[in-house]
Amino acid sequence: MHVKVKLYFQLKEKVGSGEIEMELPEKASILNLKQELKSRYPQLNAHLKNVLVLMNQKIVLDDDLIKENAEISFLPPIGGG
């Protein structure tokens, strides 16, 4: 299945792009997508542990199944003061 992955802030910097087009097996979960991203981009390994994940602009969890042609956004925590 085809998905569009959007990366923000330091995730975008680590990969060198804010968008990635990917093909995943049917019934892939968010966790499966994270594992595939870590495999393709090892520099993301430490950064995918504490991210907010959105699928089509709705918050999802690791065990949620990905929908065909979904847009998956990874938002790292933002600190400030």
PDB file of N, CA and C in Angstrom:
ATOM      1  N   MET A   1       0.837  -1.166   0.000  1.00  0.00           N
ATOM      2  CA  MET A   1       0.000   0.000   0.000  1.00  0.00           C
ATOM      3  C   MET A   1       0.885   1.233   0.000  1.00  0.00           C
ATOM      4  N   HIS A   2       0.384   2.278  -0.576  1.00  0.00           N
ATOM      5  CA  HIS A   2       1.142   3.523  -0.723  1.00  0.00           C
ATOM      6  C   HIS A   2       0.806   4.475   0.417  1.00  0.00           C
ATOM      7  N   VAL A   3       1.841   5.081   1.022  1.00  0.00           N
ATOM      8  CA  VAL A   3       1.644   6.097   2.050  1.00  0.00           C
ATOM      9  C   VAL A   3       2.620   7.248   1.823  1.00  0.00           C
ATOM     10  N   LYS A   4       2.223   8.412   2.310  1.00  0.00           N
ATOM     11  CA  LYS A   4       3.096   9.580   2.297  1.00  0.00           C
ATOM     12  C   LYS A   4       3.471   9.874   3.746  1.00  0.00           C
ATOM     13  N   VAL A   5       4.768   9.949   4.007  1.00  0.00           N
ATOM     14  CA  VAL A   5       5.273  10.229   5.348  1.00  0.00           C
ATOM     15  C   VAL A   5       5.786  11.666   5.372  1.00  0.00           C
ATOM     16  N   LYS A   6       5.317  12.428   6.357  1.00  0.00           N
ATOM     17  CA  LYS A   6       5.777  13.804   6.525  1.00  0.00           C
ATOM     18  C   LYS A   6       6.569  13.884   7.821  1.00  0.00           C
ATOM     19  N   LEU A   7       7.750  14.479   7.724  1.00  0.00           N
ATOM     20  CA  LEU A   7       8.649  14.620   8.869  1.00  0.00           C
ATOM     21  C   LEU A   7       8.846  16.095   9.175  1.00  0.00           C
ATOM     22  N   TYR A   8       8.956  16.408  10.463  1.00  0.00           N
ATOM     23  CA  TYR A   8       9.085  17.797  10.875  1.00  0.00           C
ATOM     24  C   TYR A   8      10.294  17.989  11.784  1.00  0.00           C
ATOM     25  N   PHE A   9      10.769  19.213  11.824  1.00  0.00           N
ATOM     26  CA  PHE A   9      11.848  19.664  12.699  1.00  0.00           C
ATOM     27  C   PHE A   9      13.088  18.783  12.554  1.00  0.00           C
ATOM     28  N   GLN A  10      13.638  18.258  13.659  1.00  0.00           N
ATOM     29  CA  GLN A  10      14.901  17.524  13.563  1.00  0.00           C
ATOM     30  C   GLN A  10      14.760  16.225  12.756  1.00  0.00           C
ATOM     31  N   LEU A  11      13.574  15.646  12.678  1.00  0.00           N
ATOM     32  CA  LEU A  11      13.392  14.441  11.856  1.00  0.00           C
ATOM     33  C   LEU A  11      13.643  14.778  10.383  1.00  0.00           C
ATOM     34  N   LYS A  12      13.109  15.897   9.959  1.00  0.00           N
ATOM     35  CA  LYS A  12      13.311  16.362   8.584  1.00  0.00           C
ATOM     36  C   LYS A  12      14.793  16.612   8.319  1.00  0.00           C
ATOM     37  N   GLU A  13      15.472  17.222   9.282  1.00  0.00           N
ATOM     38  CA  GLU A  13      16.904  17.493   9.132  1.00  0.00           C
ATOM     39  C   GLU A  13      17.711  16.207   9.038  1.00  0.00           C
ATOM     40  N   LYS A  14      17.363  15.202   9.847  1.00  0.00           N
ATOM     41  CA  LYS A  14      18.115  13.935   9.858  1.00  0.00           C
ATOM     42  C   LYS A  14      17.995  13.199   8.520  1.00  0.00           C
ATOM     43  N   VAL A  15      16.817  13.267   7.899  1.00  0.00           N
ATOM     44  CA  VAL A  15      16.577  12.546   6.641  1.00  0.00           C
ATOM     45  C   VAL A  15      16.966  13.391   5.433  1.00  0.00           C
ATOM     46  N   GLY A  16      16.889  14.711   5.574  1.00  0.00           N
ATOM     47  CA  GLY A  16      17.197  15.588   4.459  1.00  0.00           C
ATOM     48  C   GLY A  16      15.999  15.883   3.582  1.00  0.00           C
ATOM     49  N   SER A  17      14.809  15.514   4.054  1.00  0.00           N
ATOM     50  CA  SER A  17      13.582  15.758   3.303  1.00  0.00           C
ATOM     51  C   SER A  17      12.408  15.772   4.269  1.00  0.00           C
ATOM     52  N   GLY A  18      11.412  16.571   3.953  1.00  0.00           N
ATOM     53  CA  GLY A  18      10.222  16.631   4.796  1.00  0.00           C
ATOM     54  C   GLY A  18       9.142  15.656   4.380  1.00  0.00           C
ATOM     55  N   GLU A  19       9.293  15.040   3.205  1.00  0.00           N
ATOM     56  CA  GLU A  19       8.292  14.085   2.718  1.00  0.00           C
ATOM     57  C   GLU A  19       8.963  12.862   2.117  1.00  0.00           C
ATOM     58  N   ILE A  20       8.391  11.708   2.411  1.00  0.00           N
ATOM     59  CA  ILE A  20       8.878  10.442   1.860  1.00  0.00           C
ATOM     60  C   ILE A  20       7.664   9.663   1.360  1.00  0.00           C
ATOM     61  N   GLU A  21       7.739   9.156   0.159  1.00  0.00           N
ATOM     62  CA  GLU A  21       6.707   8.263  -0.374  1.00  0.00           C
ATOM     63  C   GLU A  21       7.167   6.838  -0.122  1.00  0.00           C
ATOM     64  N   MET A  22       6.292   5.991   0.417  1.00  0.00           N
ATOM     65  CA  MET A  22       6.682   4.612   0.748  1.00  0.00           C
ATOM     66  C   MET A  22       5.605   3.629   0.341  1.00  0.00           C
ATOM     67  N   GLU A  23       6.045   2.408   0.069  1.00  0.00           N
ATOM     68  CA  GLU A  23       5.137   1.288  -0.143  1.00  0.00           C
ATOM     69  C   GLU A  23       5.277   0.351   1.062  1.00  0.00           C
ATOM     70  N   LEU A  24       4.153  -0.024   1.646  1.00  0.00           N
ATOM     71  CA  LEU A  24       4.137  -0.915   2.802  1.00  0.00           C
ATOM     72  C   LEU A  24       3.220  -2.096   2.511  1.00  0.00           C
ATOM     73  N   PRO A  25       3.433  -3.209   3.212  1.00  0.00           N
ATOM     74  CA  PRO A  25       2.524  -4.342   3.044  1.00  0.00           C
ATOM     75  C   PRO A  25       1.110  -3.992   3.525  1.00  0.00           C
ATOM     76  N   GLU A  26       0.124  -4.693   2.991  1.00  0.00           N
ATOM     77  CA  GLU A  26      -1.247  -4.514   3.466  1.00  0.00           C
ATOM     78  C   GLU A  26      -1.303  -4.806   4.958  1.00  0.00           C
ATOM     79  N   LYS A  27      -2.174  -4.117   5.652  1.00  0.00           N
ATOM     80  CA  LYS A  27      -2.375  -4.274   7.099  1.00  0.00           C
ATOM     81  C   LYS A  27      -1.136  -3.920   7.916  1.00  0.00           C
ATOM     82  N   ALA A  28      -0.314  -3.023   7.398  1.00  0.00           N
ATOM     83  CA  ALA A  28       0.838  -2.543   8.165  1.00  0.00           C
ATOM     84  C   ALA A  28       0.342  -1.593   9.255  1.00  0.00           C
ATOM     85  N   SER A  29       1.018  -1.627  10.384  1.00  0.00           N
ATOM     86  CA  SER A  29       0.668  -0.755  11.503  1.00  0.00           C
ATOM     87  C   SER A  29       1.643   0.429  11.564  1.00  0.00           C
ATOM     88  N   ILE A  30       1.343   1.361  12.428  1.00  0.00           N
ATOM     89  CA  ILE A  30       2.246   2.486  12.660  1.00  0.00           C
ATOM     90  C   ILE A  30       3.597   1.965  13.157  1.00  0.00           C
ATOM     91  N   LEU A  31       3.581   0.960  14.013  1.00  0.00           N
ATOM     92  CA  LEU A  31       4.829   0.365  14.494  1.00  0.00           C
ATOM     93  C   LEU A  31       5.632  -0.218  13.331  1.00  0.00           C
ATOM     94  N   ASN A  32       4.963  -0.902  12.389  1.00  0.00           N
ATOM     95  CA  ASN A  32       5.655  -1.426  11.208  1.00  0.00           C
ATOM     96  C   ASN A  32       6.300  -0.300  10.401  1.00  0.00           C
ATOM     97  N   LEU A  33       5.598   0.811  10.280  1.00  0.00           N
ATOM     98  CA  LEU A  33       6.142   1.962   9.552  1.00  0.00           C
ATOM     99  C   LEU A  33       7.364   2.516  10.270  1.00  0.00           C
ATOM    100  N   LYS A  34       7.293   2.641  11.591  1.00  0.00           N
ATOM    101  CA  LYS A  34       8.450   3.121  12.354  1.00  0.00           C
ATOM    102  C   LYS A  34       9.652   2.198  12.151  1.00  0.00           C
ATOM    103  N   GLN A  35       9.419   0.892  12.163  1.00  0.00           N
ATOM    104  CA  GLN A  35      10.508  -0.068  11.969  1.00  0.00           C
ATOM    105  C   GLN A  35      11.110   0.073  10.578  1.00  0.00           C
ATOM    106  N   GLU A  36      10.279   0.278   9.575  1.00  0.00           N
ATOM    107  CA  GLU A  36      10.770   0.467   8.206  1.00  0.00           C
ATOM    108  C   GLU A  36      11.567   1.763   8.094  1.00  0.00           C
ATOM    109  N   LEU A  37      11.094   2.823   8.726  1.00  0.00           N
ATOM    110  CA  LEU A  37      11.832   4.084   8.710  1.00  0.00           C
ATOM    111  C   LEU A  37      13.191   3.934   9.386  1.00  0.00           C
ATOM    112  N   LYS A  38      13.244   3.224  10.510  1.00  0.00           N
ATOM    113  CA  LYS A  38      14.513   2.997  11.211  1.00  0.00           C
ATOM    114  C   LYS A  38      15.471   2.180  10.352  1.00  0.00           C
ATOM    115  N   SER A  39      14.929   1.229   9.595  1.00  0.00           N
ATOM    116  CA  SER A  39      15.752   0.404   8.715  1.00  0.00           C
ATOM    117  C   SER A  39      16.346   1.243   7.574  1.00  0.00           C
ATOM    118  N   ARG A  40      15.531   2.089   6.968  1.00  0.00           N
ATOM    119  CA  ARG A  40      15.982   2.912   5.840  1.00  0.00           C
ATOM    120  C   ARG A  40      16.826   4.105   6.287  1.00  0.00           C
ATOM    121  N   TYR A  41      16.489   4.635   7.452  1.00  0.00           N
ATOM    122  CA  TYR A  41      17.152   5.842   7.962  1.00  0.00           C
ATOM    123  C   TYR A  41      17.586   5.600   9.410  1.00  0.00           C
ATOM    124  N   PRO A  42      18.688   4.881   9.616  1.00  0.00           N
ATOM    125  CA  PRO A  42      19.132   4.544  10.981  1.00  0.00           C
ATOM    126  C   PRO A  42      19.320   5.766  11.869  1.00  0.00           C
ATOM    127  N   GLN A  43      19.580   6.917  11.282  1.00  0.00           N
ATOM    128  CA  GLN A  43      19.760   8.134  12.062  1.00  0.00           C
ATOM    129  C   GLN A  43      18.474   8.562  12.784  1.00  0.00           C
ATOM    130  N   LEU A  44      17.331   7.981  12.423  1.00  0.00           N
ATOM    131  CA  LEU A  44      16.064   8.289  13.086  1.00  0.00           C
ATOM    132  C   LEU A  44      15.817   7.421  14.315  1.00  0.00           C
ATOM    133  N   ASN A  45      16.610   6.396  14.509  1.00  0.00           N
ATOM    134  CA  ASN A  45      16.349   5.401  15.548  1.00  0.00           C
ATOM    135  C   ASN A  45      16.001   6.010  16.907  1.00  0.00           C
ATOM    136  N   ALA A  46      16.831   6.880  17.411  1.00  0.00           N
ATOM    137  CA  ALA A  46      16.609   7.461  18.736  1.00  0.00           C
ATOM    138  C   ALA A  46      15.477   8.484  18.740  1.00  0.00           C
ATOM    139  N   HIS A  47      15.100   8.989  17.581  1.00  0.00           N
ATOM    140  CA  HIS A  47      14.137  10.083  17.513  1.00  0.00           C
ATOM    141  C   HIS A  47      12.686   9.639  17.352  1.00  0.00           C
ATOM    142  N   LEU A  48      12.439   8.382  17.035  1.00  0.00           N
ATOM    143  CA  LEU A  48      11.068   7.924  16.801  1.00  0.00           C
ATOM    144  C   LEU A  48      10.395   7.380  18.055  1.00  0.00           C
ATOM    145  N   LYS A  49      11.086   7.429  19.180  1.00  0.00           N
ATOM    146  CA  LYS A  49      10.522   6.884  20.425  1.00  0.00           C
ATOM    147  C   LYS A  49       9.472   7.800  21.031  1.00  0.00           C
ATOM    148  N   ASN A  50       9.685   9.090  20.953  1.00  0.00           N
ATOM    149  CA  ASN A  50       8.800  10.050  21.622  1.00  0.00           C
ATOM    150  C   ASN A  50       8.170  11.022  20.639  1.00  0.00           C
ATOM    151  N   VAL A  51       7.591  10.499  19.591  1.00  0.00           N
ATOM    152  CA  VAL A  51       6.961  11.369  18.602  1.00  0.00           C
ATOM    153  C   VAL A  51       5.443  11.248  18.668  1.00  0.00           C
ATOM    154  N   LEU A  52       4.780  12.304  18.272  1.00  0.00           N
ATOM    155  CA  LEU A  52       3.340  12.274  18.082  1.00  0.00           C
ATOM    156  C   LEU A  52       3.116  11.882  16.625  1.00  0.00           C
ATOM    157  N   VAL A  53       2.266  10.880  16.408  1.00  0.00           N
ATOM    158  CA  VAL A  53       2.021  10.397  15.044  1.00  0.00           C
ATOM    159  C   VAL A  53       0.571  10.698  14.673  1.00  0.00           C
ATOM    160  N   LEU A  54       0.413  11.295  13.507  1.00  0.00           N
ATOM    161  CA  LEU A  54      -0.914  11.598  12.977  1.00  0.00           C
ATOM    162  C   LEU A  54      -1.117  10.837  11.668  1.00  0.00           C
ATOM    163  N   MET A  55      -2.312  10.295  11.490  1.00  0.00           N
ATOM    164  CA  MET A  55      -2.685   9.701  10.206  1.00  0.00           C
ATOM    165  C   MET A  55      -3.876  10.491   9.690  1.00  0.00           C
ATOM    166  N   ASN A  56      -3.691  11.115   8.548  1.00  0.00           N
ATOM    167  CA  ASN A  56      -4.728  11.969   7.970  1.00  0.00           C
ATOM    168  C   ASN A  56      -5.226  12.978   9.007  1.00  0.00           C
ATOM    169  N   GLN A  57      -4.284  13.563   9.726  1.00  0.00           N
ATOM    170  CA  GLN A  57      -4.503  14.639  10.696  1.00  0.00           C
ATOM    171  C   GLN A  57      -5.212  14.200  11.973  1.00  0.00           C
ATOM    172  N   LYS A  58      -5.207  12.891  12.272  1.00  0.00           N
ATOM    173  CA  LYS A  58      -5.771  12.384  13.525  1.00  0.00           C
ATOM    174  C   LYS A  58      -4.699  11.600  14.264  1.00  0.00           C
ATOM    175  N   ILE A  59      -4.630  11.770  15.576  1.00  0.00           N
ATOM    176  CA  ILE A  59      -3.627  11.085  16.386  1.00  0.00           C
ATOM    177  C   ILE A  59      -3.846   9.579  16.334  1.00  0.00           C
ATOM    178  N   VAL A  60      -2.741   8.829  16.141  1.00  0.00           N
ATOM    179  CA  VAL A  60      -2.796   7.365  16.113  1.00  0.00           C
ATOM    180  C   VAL A  60      -1.729   6.791  17.037  1.00  0.00           C
ATOM    181  N   LEU A  61      -1.913   5.519  17.378  1.00  0.00           N
ATOM    182  CA  LEU A  61      -0.979   4.787  18.231  1.00  0.00           C
ATOM    183  C   LEU A  61      -0.228   3.749  17.416  1.00  0.00           C
ATOM    184  N   ASP A  62       0.816   3.170  18.010  1.00  0.00           N
ATOM    185  CA  ASP A  62       1.666   2.212  17.290  1.00  0.00           C
ATOM    186  C   ASP A  62       0.897   1.022  16.729  1.00  0.00           C
ATOM    187  N   ASP A  63      -0.155   0.571  17.410  1.00  0.00           N
ATOM    188  CA  ASP A  63      -0.858  -0.631  16.933  1.00  0.00           C
ATOM    189  C   ASP A  63      -1.990  -0.327  15.947  1.00  0.00           C
ATOM    190  N   ASP A  64      -2.209   0.948  15.622  1.00  0.00           N
ATOM    191  CA  ASP A  64      -3.234   1.293  14.631  1.00  0.00           C
ATOM    192  C   ASP A  64      -2.779   0.895  13.232  1.00  0.00           C
ATOM    193  N   LEU A  65      -3.727   0.378  12.438  1.00  0.00           N
ATOM    194  CA  LEU A  65      -3.425  -0.022  11.062  1.00  0.00           C
ATOM    195  C   LEU A  65      -3.465   1.194  10.142  1.00  0.00           C
ATOM    196  N   ILE A  66      -2.559   1.194   9.183  1.00  0.00           N
ATOM    197  CA  ILE A  66      -2.444   2.307   8.236  1.00  0.00           C
ATOM    198  C   ILE A  66      -3.435   2.105   7.101  1.00  0.00           C
ATOM    199  N   LYS A  67      -4.068   3.197   6.696  1.00  0.00           N
ATOM    200  CA  LYS A  67      -5.022   3.164   5.589  1.00  0.00           C
ATOM    201  C   LYS A  67      -4.301   3.445   4.273  1.00  0.00           C
ATOM    202  N   GLU A  68      -4.801   2.859   3.207  1.00  0.00           N
ATOM    203  CA  GLU A  68      -4.253   3.082   1.862  1.00  0.00           C
ATOM    204  C   GLU A  68      -4.228   4.577   1.557  1.00  0.00           C
ATOM    205  N   ASN A  69      -3.117   5.036   0.966  1.00  0.00           N
ATOM    206  CA  ASN A  69      -2.913   6.432   0.574  1.00  0.00           C
ATOM    207  C   ASN A  69      -2.961   7.406   1.749  1.00  0.00           C
ATOM    208  N   ALA A  70      -2.660   6.913   2.927  1.00  0.00           N
ATOM    209  CA  ALA A  70      -2.675   7.776   4.118  1.00  0.00           C
ATOM    210  C   ALA A  70      -1.499   8.738   4.099  1.00  0.00           C
ATOM    211  N   GLU A  71      -1.693   9.851   4.788  1.00  0.00           N
ATOM    212  CA  GLU A  71      -0.611  10.782   5.043  1.00  0.00           C
ATOM    213  C   GLU A  71      -0.270  10.650   6.526  1.00  0.00           C
ATOM    214  N   ILE A  72       0.943  10.195   6.799  1.00  0.00           N
ATOM    215  CA  ILE A  72       1.391   9.953   8.172  1.00  0.00           C
ATOM    216  C   ILE A  72       2.398  11.041   8.534  1.00  0.00           C
ATOM    217  N   SER A  73       2.109  11.780   9.605  1.00  0.00           N
ATOM    218  CA  SER A  73       2.977  12.863  10.052  1.00  0.00           C
ATOM    219  C   SER A  73       3.636  12.477  11.368  1.00  0.00           C
ATOM    220  N   PHE A  74       4.945  12.731  11.454  1.00  0.00           N
ATOM    221  CA  PHE A  74       5.712  12.472  12.670  1.00  0.00           C
ATOM    222  C   PHE A  74       6.139  13.819  13.255  1.00  0.00           C
ATOM    223  N   LEU A  75       5.637  14.114  14.456  1.00  0.00           N
ATOM    224  CA  LEU A  75       5.937  15.390  15.107  1.00  0.00           C
ATOM    225  C   LEU A  75       6.726  15.132  16.383  1.00  0.00           C
ATOM    226  N   PRO A  76       7.985  15.535  16.397  1.00  0.00           N
ATOM    227  CA  PRO A  76       8.784  15.349  17.615  1.00  0.00           C
ATOM    228  C   PRO A  76       8.350  16.338  18.687  1.00  0.00           C
ATOM    229  N   PRO A  77       8.681  16.044  19.954  1.00  0.00           N
ATOM    230  CA  PRO A  77       8.340  16.992  21.015  1.00  0.00           C
ATOM    231  C   PRO A  77       9.059  18.323  20.804  1.00  0.00           C
ATOM    232  N   ILE A  78       8.371  19.372  21.167  1.00  0.00           N
ATOM    233  CA  ILE A  78       8.945  20.710  21.010  1.00  0.00           C
ATOM    234  C   ILE A  78       9.089  21.309  22.402  1.00  0.00           C
ATOM    235  N   GLY A  79      10.303  21.706  22.718  1.00  0.00           N
ATOM    236  CA  GLY A  79      10.539  22.331  24.008  1.00  0.00           C
ATOM    237  C   GLY A  79      10.583  23.833  23.869  1.00  0.00           C
ATOM    238  N   GLY A  80      10.453  24.475  24.957  1.00  0.00           N
ATOM    239  CA  GLY A  80      10.513  25.932  24.930  1.00  0.00           C
ATOM    240  C   GLY A  80      10.487  26.457  26.340  1.00  0.00           C
ATOM    241  N   GLY A  81      10.501  27.723  26.423  1.00  0.00           N
ATOM    242  CA  GLY A  81      10.450  28.273  27.762  1.00  0.00           C
ATOM    243  C   GLY A  81      10.084  29.721  27.742  1.00  0.00           C
TER     244      GLY A  81
END
